[in-house]
Amino acid sequence: MKAPVIPAKKFAEEITEYPDAYVLVDVRDDWEYDDYPHVKERLSLYEMPDKAEALKKYEGKKLVLCCRTGVRGNVGAKFLLQHGFKNVYNLEGGFEALIAQKEPRR
């Protein structure tokens, strides 16, 4: 089972137009944190079973889980959906796809 996805291009456009509608949740491990942009909300997959409730404060917003390429984002999004969260998405392609949206095309 795959979690619902939001394509990086769509997310990049919508976060610019509706910044308060989304919360980007970084599910990477601590050692990966300096590899890509920093985001406000972090919750590694290892912490999720114990700390997912902290994300309840964002009820009513779209939670977009993001890792490097989208695999762990899918795992985290499925976990949250199975535990009653709504409006949860995996950022398709992860940070790599999001960064590619900002790079000039050749």
PDB file of N, CA and C in Angstrom:
ATOM      1  N   MET A   1       0.829  -1.186   0.000  1.00  0.00           N
ATOM      2  CA  MET A   1       0.000   0.000   0.000  1.00  0.00           C
ATOM      3  C   MET A   1       0.872   1.247   0.000  1.00  0.00           C
ATOM      4  N   LYS A   2       0.530   2.161  -0.870  1.00  0.00           N
ATOM      5  CA  LYS A   2       1.249   3.433  -0.918  1.00  0.00           C
ATOM      6  C   LYS A   2       0.366   4.521  -0.326  1.00  0.00           C
ATOM      7  N   ALA A   3       0.994   5.446   0.324  1.00  0.00           N
ATOM      8  CA  ALA A   3       0.285   6.606   0.849  1.00  0.00           C
ATOM      9  C   ALA A   3      -0.013   7.562  -0.304  1.00  0.00           C
ATOM     10  N   PRO A   4      -0.994   8.432  -0.142  1.00  0.00           N
ATOM     11  CA  PRO A   4      -1.231   9.443  -1.171  1.00  0.00           C
ATOM     12  C   PRO A   4       0.037  10.279  -1.367  1.00  0.00           C
ATOM     13  N   VAL A   5       0.295  10.667  -2.580  1.00  0.00           N
ATOM     14  CA  VAL A   5       1.488  11.469  -2.880  1.00  0.00           C
ATOM     15  C   VAL A   5       1.082  12.852  -3.365  1.00  0.00           C
ATOM     16  N   ILE A   6       1.998  13.773  -3.183  1.00  0.00           N
ATOM     17  CA  ILE A   6       1.882  15.077  -3.799  1.00  0.00           C
ATOM     18  C   ILE A   6       3.157  15.265  -4.608  1.00  0.00           C
ATOM     19  N   PRO A   7       3.029  15.499  -5.917  1.00  0.00           N
ATOM     20  CA  PRO A   7       4.217  15.701  -6.746  1.00  0.00           C
ATOM     21  C   PRO A   7       5.003  16.935  -6.295  1.00  0.00           C
ATOM     22  N   ALA A   8       6.300  16.863  -6.417  1.00  0.00           N
ATOM     23  CA  ALA A   8       7.167  17.962  -5.972  1.00  0.00           C
ATOM     24  C   ALA A   8       6.804  19.276  -6.652  1.00  0.00           C
ATOM     25  N   LYS A   9       6.497  19.237  -7.935  1.00  0.00           N
ATOM     26  CA  LYS A   9       6.157  20.465  -8.662  1.00  0.00           C
ATOM     27  C   LYS A   9       4.894  21.100  -8.074  1.00  0.00           C
ATOM     28  N   LYS A  10       3.872  20.295  -7.849  1.00  0.00           N
ATOM     29  CA  LYS A  10       2.624  20.805  -7.275  1.00  0.00           C
ATOM     30  C   LYS A  10       2.860  21.354  -5.880  1.00  0.00           C
ATOM     31  N   PHE A  11       3.627  20.625  -5.064  1.00  0.00           N
ATOM     32  CA  PHE A  11       3.904  21.083  -3.710  1.00  0.00           C
ATOM     33  C   PHE A  11       4.659  22.411  -3.738  1.00  0.00           C
ATOM     34  N   ALA A  12       5.672  22.527  -4.586  1.00  0.00           N
ATOM     35  CA  ALA A  12       6.457  23.761  -4.671  1.00  0.00           C
ATOM     36  C   ALA A  12       5.574  24.945  -5.045  1.00  0.00           C
ATOM     37  N   GLU A  13       4.638  24.734  -5.947  1.00  0.00           N
ATOM     38  CA  GLU A  13       3.725  25.807  -6.352  1.00  0.00           C
ATOM     39  C   GLU A  13       2.759  26.164  -5.229  1.00  0.00           C
ATOM     40  N   GLU A  14       2.161  25.149  -4.610  1.00  0.00           N
ATOM     41  CA  GLU A  14       1.140  25.400  -3.598  1.00  0.00           C
ATOM     42  C   GLU A  14       1.695  25.927  -2.291  1.00  0.00           C
ATOM     43  N   ILE A  15       2.888  25.496  -1.910  1.00  0.00           N
ATOM     44  CA  ILE A  15       3.469  25.991  -0.654  1.00  0.00           C
ATOM     45  C   ILE A  15       3.795  27.473  -0.793  1.00  0.00           C
ATOM     46  N   THR A  16       4.089  27.898  -2.008  1.00  0.00           N
ATOM     47  CA  THR A  16       4.354  29.315  -2.254  1.00  0.00           C
ATOM     48  C   THR A  16       3.058  30.117  -2.179  1.00  0.00           C
ATOM     49  N   GLU A  17       2.004  29.573  -2.766  1.00  0.00           N
ATOM     50  CA  GLU A  17       0.726  30.282  -2.802  1.00  0.00           C
ATOM     51  C   GLU A  17      -0.064  30.160  -1.494  1.00  0.00           C
ATOM     52  N   TYR A  18       0.013  29.013  -0.850  1.00  0.00           N
ATOM     53  CA  TYR A  18      -0.751  28.754   0.382  1.00  0.00           C
ATOM     54  C   TYR A  18       0.171  28.226   1.486  1.00  0.00           C
ATOM     55  N   PRO A  19       1.105  29.015   1.959  1.00  0.00           N
ATOM     56  CA  PRO A  19       2.090  28.494   2.917  1.00  0.00           C
ATOM     57  C   PRO A  19       1.494  27.997   4.233  1.00  0.00           C
ATOM     58  N   ASP A  20       0.378  28.544   4.639  1.00  0.00           N
ATOM     59  CA  ASP A  20      -0.211  28.125   5.911  1.00  0.00           C
ATOM     60  C   ASP A  20      -1.045  26.860   5.805  1.00  0.00           C
ATOM     61  N   ALA A  21      -1.235  26.353   4.597  1.00  0.00           N
ATOM     62  CA  ALA A  21      -2.057  25.153   4.406  1.00  0.00           C
ATOM     63  C   ALA A  21      -1.257  23.868   4.601  1.00  0.00           C
ATOM     64  N   TYR A  22       0.066  23.955   4.591  1.00  0.00           N
ATOM     65  CA  TYR A  22       0.921  22.774   4.616  1.00  0.00           C
ATOM     66  C   TYR A  22       1.892  22.793   5.782  1.00  0.00           C
ATOM     67  N   VAL A  23       2.264  21.593   6.220  1.00  0.00           N
ATOM     68  CA  VAL A  23       3.373  21.419   7.154  1.00  0.00           C
ATOM     69  C   VAL A  23       4.260  20.340   6.556  1.00  0.00           C
ATOM     70  N   LEU A  24       5.493  20.692   6.274  1.00  0.00           N
ATOM     71  CA  LEU A  24       6.464  19.737   5.752  1.00  0.00           C
ATOM     72  C   LEU A  24       7.139  19.069   6.938  1.00  0.00           C
ATOM     73  N   VAL A  25       7.061  17.742   6.993  1.00  0.00           N
ATOM     74  CA  VAL A  25       7.630  16.970   8.099  1.00  0.00           C
ATOM     75  C   VAL A  25       8.807  16.158   7.568  1.00  0.00           C
ATOM     76  N   ASP A  26       9.971  16.438   8.070  1.00  0.00           N
ATOM     77  CA  ASP A  26      11.206  15.777   7.665  1.00  0.00           C
ATOM     78  C   ASP A  26      11.348  14.469   8.439  1.00  0.00           C
ATOM     79  N   VAL A  27      11.335  13.336   7.742  1.00  0.00           N
ATOM     80  CA  VAL A  27      11.448  12.038   8.421  1.00  0.00           C
ATOM     81  C   VAL A  27      12.834  11.413   8.270  1.00  0.00           C
ATOM     82  N   ARG A  28      13.804  12.198   7.839  1.00  0.00           N
ATOM     83  CA  ARG A  28      15.163  11.672   7.706  1.00  0.00           C
ATOM     84  C   ARG A  28      15.807  11.476   9.072  1.00  0.00           C
ATOM     85  N   ASP A  29      16.883  10.734   9.090  1.00  0.00           N
ATOM     86  CA  ASP A  29      17.661  10.531  10.309  1.00  0.00           C
ATOM     87  C   ASP A  29      18.509  11.766  10.595  1.00  0.00           C
ATOM     88  N   ASP A  30      18.915  11.916  11.843  1.00  0.00           N
ATOM     89  CA  ASP A  30      19.712  13.074  12.238  1.00  0.00           C
ATOM     90  C   ASP A  30      20.972  13.232  11.393  1.00  0.00           C
ATOM     91  N   TRP A  31      21.646  12.140  11.083  1.00  0.00           N
ATOM     92  CA  TRP A  31      22.911  12.233  10.355  1.00  0.00           C
ATOM     93  C   TRP A  31      22.723  12.752   8.927  1.00  0.00           C
ATOM     94  N   GLU A  32      21.506  12.741   8.411  1.00  0.00           N
ATOM     95  CA  GLU A  32      21.232  13.231   7.053  1.00  0.00           C
ATOM     96  C   GLU A  32      20.791  14.688   7.029  1.00  0.00           C
ATOM     97  N   TYR A  33      20.582  15.260   8.167  1.00  0.00           N
ATOM     98  CA  TYR A  33      19.923  16.551   8.257  1.00  0.00           C
ATOM     99  C   TYR A  33      20.652  17.674   7.528  1.00  0.00           C
ATOM    100  N   ASP A  34      21.962  17.632   7.467  1.00  0.00           N
ATOM    101  CA  ASP A  34      22.702  18.705   6.810  1.00  0.00           C
ATOM    102  C   ASP A  34      22.791  18.546   5.300  1.00  0.00           C
ATOM    103  N   ASP A  35      22.293  17.438   4.757  1.00  0.00           N
ATOM    104  CA  ASP A  35      22.402  17.196   3.323  1.00  0.00           C
ATOM    105  C   ASP A  35      21.422  18.009   2.487  1.00  0.00           C
ATOM    106  N   TYR A  36      20.307  18.389   3.050  1.00  0.00           N
ATOM    107  CA  TYR A  36      19.257  19.085   2.310  1.00  0.00           C
ATOM    108  C   TYR A  36      18.703  20.210   3.167  1.00  0.00           C
ATOM    109  N   PRO A  37      17.817  21.004   2.631  1.00  0.00           N
ATOM    110  CA  PRO A  37      17.294  22.143   3.405  1.00  0.00           C
ATOM    111  C   PRO A  37      16.695  21.719   4.738  1.00  0.00           C
ATOM    112  N   HIS A  38      16.796  22.599   5.685  1.00  0.00           N
ATOM    113  CA  HIS A  38      16.221  22.342   7.004  1.00  0.00           C
ATOM    114  C   HIS A  38      14.765  22.781   6.994  1.00  0.00           C
ATOM    115  N   VAL A  39      13.939  22.006   7.646  1.00  0.00           N
ATOM    116  CA  VAL A  39      12.532  22.358   7.783  1.00  0.00           C
ATOM    117  C   VAL A  39      12.185  22.410   9.259  1.00  0.00           C
ATOM    118  N   LYS A  40      11.104  23.075   9.568  1.00  0.00           N
ATOM    119  CA  LYS A  40      10.729  23.313  10.967  1.00  0.00           C
ATOM    120  C   LYS A  40      10.406  22.030  11.727  1.00  0.00           C
ATOM    121  N   GLU A  41       9.645  21.141  11.107  1.00  0.00           N
ATOM    122  CA  GLU A  41       9.163  19.952  11.818  1.00  0.00           C
ATOM    123  C   GLU A  41       9.972  18.726  11.412  1.00  0.00           C
ATOM    124  N   ARG A  42      10.549  18.061  12.402  1.00  0.00           N
ATOM    125  CA  ARG A  42      11.335  16.854  12.147  1.00  0.00           C
ATOM    126  C   ARG A  42      10.830  15.728  13.023  1.00  0.00           C
ATOM    127  N   LEU A  43      10.731  14.541  12.436  1.00  0.00           N
ATOM    128  CA  LEU A  43      10.306  13.367  13.190  1.00  0.00           C
ATOM    129  C   LEU A  43      10.806  12.146  12.435  1.00  0.00           C
ATOM    130  N   SER A  44      11.935  11.597  12.859  1.00  0.00           N
ATOM    131  CA  SER A  44      12.478  10.443  12.144  1.00  0.00           C
ATOM    132  C   SER A  44      11.522   9.266  12.281  1.00  0.00           C
ATOM    133  N   LEU A  45      11.637   8.333  11.381  1.00  0.00           N
ATOM    134  CA  LEU A  45      10.772   7.150  11.426  1.00  0.00           C
ATOM    135  C   LEU A  45      10.936   6.382  12.724  1.00  0.00           C
ATOM    136  N   TYR A  46      12.130   6.400  13.288  1.00  0.00           N
ATOM    137  CA  TYR A  46      12.376   5.680  14.533  1.00  0.00           C
ATOM    138  C   TYR A  46      11.627   6.304  15.706  1.00  0.00           C
ATOM    139  N   GLU A  47      11.396   7.609  15.652  1.00  0.00           N
ATOM    140  CA  GLU A  47      10.690   8.305  16.724  1.00  0.00           C
ATOM    141  C   GLU A  47       9.169   8.287  16.554  1.00  0.00           C
ATOM    142  N   MET A  48       8.719   7.996  15.361  1.00  0.00           N
ATOM    143  CA  MET A  48       7.305   8.153  15.037  1.00  0.00           C
ATOM    144  C   MET A  48       6.347   7.423  15.972  1.00  0.00           C
ATOM    145  N   PRO A  49       6.592   6.165  16.318  1.00  0.00           N
ATOM    146  CA  PRO A  49       5.634   5.500  17.210  1.00  0.00           C
ATOM    147  C   PRO A  49       5.456   6.209  18.553  1.00  0.00           C
ATOM    148  N   ASP A  50       6.510   6.822  19.058  1.00  0.00           N
ATOM    149  CA  ASP A  50       6.439   7.474  20.365  1.00  0.00           C
ATOM    150  C   ASP A  50       6.060   8.949  20.306  1.00  0.00           C
ATOM    151  N   LYS A  51       6.310   9.606  19.172  1.00  0.00           N
ATOM    152  CA  LYS A  51       6.154  11.059  19.132  1.00  0.00           C
ATOM    153  C   LYS A  51       5.178  11.578  18.081  1.00  0.00           C
ATOM    154  N   ALA A  52       4.486  10.700  17.385  1.00  0.00           N
ATOM    155  CA  ALA A  52       3.570  11.137  16.325  1.00  0.00           C
ATOM    156  C   ALA A  52       2.465  12.038  16.854  1.00  0.00           C
ATOM    157  N   GLU A  53       2.049  11.826  18.082  1.00  0.00           N
ATOM    158  CA  GLU A  53       0.967  12.639  18.656  1.00  0.00           C
ATOM    159  C   GLU A  53       1.302  14.124  18.637  1.00  0.00           C
ATOM    160  N   ALA A  54       2.587  14.465  18.634  1.00  0.00           N
ATOM    161  CA  ALA A  54       2.989  15.871  18.592  1.00  0.00           C
ATOM    162  C   ALA A  54       2.520  16.557  17.315  1.00  0.00           C
ATOM    163  N   LEU A  55       2.257  15.780  16.270  1.00  0.00           N
ATOM    164  CA  LEU A  55       1.797  16.349  15.009  1.00  0.00           C
ATOM    165  C   LEU A  55       0.309  16.689  15.021  1.00  0.00           C
ATOM    166  N   LYS A  56      -0.407  16.265  16.046  1.00  0.00           N
ATOM    167  CA  LYS A  56      -1.847  16.563  16.146  1.00  0.00           C
ATOM    168  C   LYS A  56      -2.112  18.068  16.184  1.00  0.00           C
ATOM    169  N   LYS A  57      -1.126  18.837  16.617  1.00  0.00           N
ATOM    170  CA  LYS A  57      -1.309  20.293  16.680  1.00  0.00           C
ATOM    171  C   LYS A  57      -1.510  20.900  15.289  1.00  0.00           C
ATOM    172  N   TYR A  58      -1.208  20.143  14.248  1.00  0.00           N
ATOM    173  CA  TYR A  58      -1.373  20.627  12.873  1.00  0.00           C
ATOM    174  C   TYR A  58      -2.665  20.141  12.230  1.00  0.00           C
ATOM    175  N   GLU A  59      -3.585  19.644  13.035  1.00  0.00           N
ATOM    176  CA  GLU A  59      -4.857  19.164  12.502  1.00  0.00           C
ATOM    177  C   GLU A  59      -5.506  20.282  11.684  1.00  0.00           C
ATOM    178  N   GLY A  60      -6.002  19.931  10.511  1.00  0.00           N
ATOM    179  CA  GLY A  60      -6.597  20.907   9.615  1.00  0.00           C
ATOM    180  C   GLY A  60      -5.644  21.367   8.530  1.00  0.00           C
ATOM    181  N   LYS A  61      -4.381  21.030   8.669  1.00  0.00           N
ATOM    182  CA  LYS A  61      -3.387  21.341   7.637  1.00  0.00           C
ATOM    183  C   LYS A  61      -3.013  20.058   6.918  1.00  0.00           C
ATOM    184  N   LYS A  62      -2.387  20.192   5.770  1.00  0.00           N
ATOM    185  CA  LYS A  62      -1.905  19.034   5.027  1.00  0.00           C
ATOM    186  C   LYS A  62      -0.498  18.715   5.516  1.00  0.00           C
ATOM    187  N   LEU A  63      -0.314  17.505   6.034  1.00  0.00           N
ATOM    188  CA  LEU A  63       1.005  17.050   6.465  1.00  0.00           C
ATOM    189  C   LEU A  63       1.686  16.385   5.279  1.00  0.00           C
ATOM    190  N   VAL A  64       2.830  16.903   4.898  1.00  0.00           N
ATOM    191  CA  VAL A  64       3.584  16.351   3.774  1.00  0.00           C
ATOM    192  C   VAL A  64       4.884  15.803   4.336  1.00  0.00           C
ATOM    193  N   LEU A  65       5.030  14.472   4.275  1.00  0.00           N
ATOM    194  CA  LEU A  65       6.228  13.834   4.797  1.00  0.00           C
ATOM    195  C   LEU A  65       7.287  13.765   3.717  1.00  0.00           C
ATOM    196  N   CYS A  66       8.514  14.040   4.117  1.00  0.00           N
ATOM    197  CA  CYS A  66       9.588  14.150   3.141  1.00  0.00           C
ATOM    198  C   CYS A  66      10.859  13.511   3.669  1.00  0.00           C
ATOM    199  N   CYS A  67      11.510  12.753   2.810  1.00  0.00           N
ATOM    200  CA  CYS A  67      12.829  12.194   3.093  1.00  0.00           C
ATOM    201  C   CYS A  67      13.719  12.548   1.905  1.00  0.00           C
ATOM    202  N   ARG A  68      14.752  11.791   1.676  1.00  0.00           N
ATOM    203  CA  ARG A  68      15.649  12.107   0.561  1.00  0.00           C
ATOM    204  C   ARG A  68      15.002  11.814  -0.785  1.00  0.00           C
ATOM    205  N   THR A  69      14.394  10.618  -0.927  1.00  0.00           N
ATOM    206  CA  THR A  69      13.857  10.227  -2.239  1.00  0.00           C
ATOM    207  C   THR A  69      12.387   9.835  -2.232  1.00  0.00           C
ATOM    208  N   GLY A  70      11.756   9.753  -1.081  1.00  0.00           N
ATOM    209  CA  GLY A  70      10.336   9.439  -1.012  1.00  0.00           C
ATOM    210  C   GLY A  70       9.977   8.098  -0.417  1.00  0.00           C
ATOM    211  N   VAL A  71      10.932   7.225  -0.207  1.00  0.00           N
ATOM    212  CA  VAL A  71      10.635   5.888   0.314  1.00  0.00           C
ATOM    213  C   VAL A  71      10.210   5.959   1.779  1.00  0.00           C
ATOM    214  N   ARG A  72      11.021   6.600   2.605  1.00  0.00           N
ATOM    215  CA  ARG A  72      10.676   6.703   4.031  1.00  0.00           C
ATOM    216  C   ARG A  72       9.495   7.637   4.261  1.00  0.00           C
ATOM    217  N   GLY A  73       9.329   8.615   3.384  1.00  0.00           N
ATOM    218  CA  GLY A  73       8.158   9.477   3.475  1.00  0.00           C
ATOM    219  C   GLY A  73       6.884   8.670   3.316  1.00  0.00           C
ATOM    220  N   ASN A  74       6.915   7.692   2.416  1.00  0.00           N
ATOM    221  CA  ASN A  74       5.764   6.814   2.220  1.00  0.00           C
ATOM    222  C   ASN A  74       5.498   5.978   3.476  1.00  0.00           C
ATOM    223  N   VAL A  75       6.531   5.438   4.065  1.00  0.00           N
ATOM    224  CA  VAL A  75       6.383   4.632   5.285  1.00  0.00           C
ATOM    225  C   VAL A  75       5.790   5.483   6.406  1.00  0.00           C
ATOM    226  N   GLY A  76       6.323   6.679   6.594  1.00  0.00           N
ATOM    227  CA  GLY A  76       5.828   7.559   7.640  1.00  0.00           C
ATOM    228  C   GLY A  76       4.391   8.007   7.401  1.00  0.00           C
ATOM    229  N   ALA A  77       4.060   8.322   6.165  1.00  0.00           N
ATOM    230  CA  ALA A  77       2.696   8.747   5.837  1.00  0.00           C
ATOM    231  C   ALA A  77       1.708   7.613   6.088  1.00  0.00           C
ATOM    232  N   LYS A  78       2.071   6.396   5.709  1.00  0.00           N
ATOM    233  CA  LYS A  78       1.195   5.252   5.959  1.00  0.00           C
ATOM    234  C   LYS A  78       0.981   5.046   7.463  1.00  0.00           C
ATOM    235  N   PHE A  79       2.051   5.189   8.237  1.00  0.00           N
ATOM    236  CA  PHE A  79       1.941   5.040   9.689  1.00  0.00           C
ATOM    237  C   PHE A  79       0.934   6.043  10.249  1.00  0.00           C
ATOM    238  N   LEU A  80       1.073   7.308   9.867  1.00  0.00           N
ATOM    239  CA  LEU A  80       0.172   8.332  10.380  1.00  0.00           C
ATOM    240  C   LEU A  80      -1.273   8.067   9.957  1.00  0.00           C
ATOM    241  N   LEU A  81      -1.474   7.688   8.714  1.00  0.00           N
ATOM    242  CA  LEU A  81      -2.825   7.383   8.243  1.00  0.00           C
ATOM    243  C   LEU A  81      -3.438   6.221   9.023  1.00  0.00           C
ATOM    244  N   GLN A  82      -2.632   5.205   9.300  1.00  0.00           N
ATOM    245  CA  GLN A  82      -3.116   4.044  10.052  1.00  0.00           C
ATOM    246  C   GLN A  82      -3.430   4.394  11.510  1.00  0.00           C
ATOM    247  N   HIS A  83      -2.904   5.518  11.973  1.00  0.00           N
ATOM    248  CA  HIS A  83      -3.133   5.939  13.355  1.00  0.00           C
ATOM    249  C   HIS A  83      -4.067   7.143  13.436  1.00  0.00           C
ATOM    250  N   GLY A  84      -4.922   7.279  12.450  1.00  0.00           N
ATOM    251  CA  GLY A  84      -6.005   8.240  12.518  1.00  0.00           C
ATOM    252  C   GLY A  84      -5.751   9.639  11.994  1.00  0.00           C
ATOM    253  N   PHE A  85      -4.567   9.894  11.485  1.00  0.00           N
ATOM    254  CA  PHE A  85      -4.300  11.213  10.924  1.00  0.00           C
ATOM    255  C   PHE A  85      -5.000  11.346   9.573  1.00  0.00           C
ATOM    256  N   LYS A  86      -5.388  12.563   9.243  1.00  0.00           N
ATOM    257  CA  LYS A  86      -6.028  12.863   7.957  1.00  0.00           C
ATOM    258  C   LYS A  86      -5.135  13.832   7.181  1.00  0.00           C
ATOM    259  N   ASN A  87      -5.380  13.952   5.896  1.00  0.00           N
ATOM    260  CA  ASN A  87      -4.643  14.901   5.047  1.00  0.00           C
ATOM    261  C   ASN A  87      -3.134  14.701   5.140  1.00  0.00           C
ATOM    262  N   VAL A  88      -2.700  13.467   4.977  1.00  0.00           N
ATOM    263  CA  VAL A  88      -1.282  13.125   5.043  1.00  0.00           C
ATOM    264  C   VAL A  88      -0.829  12.699   3.650  1.00  0.00           C
ATOM    265  N   TYR A  89       0.323  13.222   3.234  1.00  0.00           N
ATOM    266  CA  TYR A  89       0.856  12.938   1.907  1.00  0.00           C
ATOM    267  C   TYR A  89       2.348  12.653   1.996  1.00  0.00           C
ATOM    268  N   ASN A  90       2.830  11.906   1.032  1.00  0.00           N
ATOM    269  CA  ASN A  90       4.257  11.687   0.848  1.00  0.00           C
ATOM    270  C   ASN A  90       4.700  12.610  -0.273  1.00  0.00           C
ATOM    271  N   LEU A  91       5.784  13.343  -0.072  1.00  0.00           N
ATOM    272  CA  LEU A  91       6.324  14.189  -1.128  1.00  0.00           C
ATOM    273  C   LEU A  91       6.998  13.279  -2.148  1.00  0.00           C
ATOM    274  N   GLU A  92       6.391  13.161  -3.305  1.00  0.00           N
ATOM    275  CA  GLU A  92       6.878  12.248  -4.341  1.00  0.00           C
ATOM    276  C   GLU A  92       8.287  12.650  -4.767  1.00  0.00           C
ATOM    277  N   GLY A  93       9.219  11.728  -4.617  1.00  0.00           N
ATOM    278  CA  GLY A  93      10.607  11.993  -4.989  1.00  0.00           C
ATOM    279  C   GLY A  93      11.428  12.661  -3.906  1.00  0.00           C
ATOM    280  N   GLY A  94      10.800  13.026  -2.800  1.00  0.00           N
ATOM    281  CA  GLY A  94      11.502  13.583  -1.653  1.00  0.00           C
ATOM    282  C   GLY A  94      12.216  14.900  -1.927  1.00  0.00           C
ATOM    283  N   PHE A  95      13.208  15.186  -1.078  1.00  0.00           N
ATOM    284  CA  PHE A  95      13.968  16.428  -1.215  1.00  0.00           C
ATOM    285  C   PHE A  95      14.665  16.521  -2.558  1.00  0.00           C
ATOM    286  N   GLU A  96      15.101  15.390  -3.102  1.00  0.00           N
ATOM    287  CA  GLU A  96      15.779  15.428  -4.403  1.00  0.00           C
ATOM    288  C   GLU A  96      14.863  16.008  -5.472  1.00  0.00           C
ATOM    289  N   ALA A  97      13.609  15.586  -5.496  1.00  0.00           N
ATOM    290  CA  ALA A  97      12.657  16.099  -6.484  1.00  0.00           C
ATOM    291  C   ALA A  97      12.311  17.557  -6.204  1.00  0.00           C
ATOM    292  N   LEU A  98      12.203  17.923  -4.941  1.00  0.00           N
ATOM    293  CA  LEU A  98      11.869  19.300  -4.591  1.00  0.00           C
ATOM    294  C   LEU A  98      12.988  20.252  -4.996  1.00  0.00           C
ATOM    295  N   ILE A  99      14.210  19.865  -4.740  1.00  0.00           N
ATOM    296  CA  ILE A  99      15.354  20.698  -5.118  1.00  0.00           C
ATOM    297  C   ILE A  99      15.448  20.810  -6.636  1.00  0.00           C
ATOM    298  N   ALA A 100      15.139  19.735  -7.339  1.00  0.00           N
ATOM    299  CA  ALA A 100      15.174  19.774  -8.811  1.00  0.00           C
ATOM    300  C   ALA A 100      14.191  20.799  -9.367  1.00  0.00           C
ATOM    301  N   GLN A 101      13.114  21.075  -8.638  1.00  0.00           N
ATOM    302  CA  GLN A 101      12.157  22.083  -9.086  1.00  0.00           C
ATOM    303  C   GLN A 101      12.737  23.482  -9.049  1.00  0.00           C
ATOM    304  N   LYS A 102      13.713  23.697  -8.192  1.00  0.00           N
ATOM    305  CA  LYS A 102      14.303  25.026  -8.032  1.00  0.00           C
ATOM    306  C   LYS A 102      15.543  25.227  -8.894  1.00  0.00           C
ATOM    307  N   GLU A 103      16.077  24.146  -9.430  1.00  0.00           N
ATOM    308  CA  GLU A 103      17.277  24.266 -10.263  1.00  0.00           C
ATOM    309  C   GLU A 103      16.888  24.708 -11.667  1.00  0.00           C
ATOM    310  N   PRO A 104      17.697  25.572 -12.280  1.00  0.00           N
ATOM    311  CA  PRO A 104      17.375  25.995 -13.642  1.00  0.00           C
ATOM    312  C   PRO A 104      17.444  24.835 -14.622  1.00  0.00           C
ATOM    313  N   ARG A 105      16.519  24.833 -15.553  1.00  0.00           N
ATOM    314  CA  ARG A 105      16.503  23.763 -16.563  1.00  0.00           C
ATOM    315  C   ARG A 105      17.525  24.051 -17.631  1.00  0.00           C
ATOM    316  N   ARG A 106      18.153  23.018 -18.117  1.00  0.00           N
ATOM    317  CA  ARG A 106      19.198  23.176 -19.157  1.00  0.00           C
ATOM    318  C   ARG A 106      18.653  22.841 -20.501  1.00  0.00           C
TER     319      ARG A 106
END
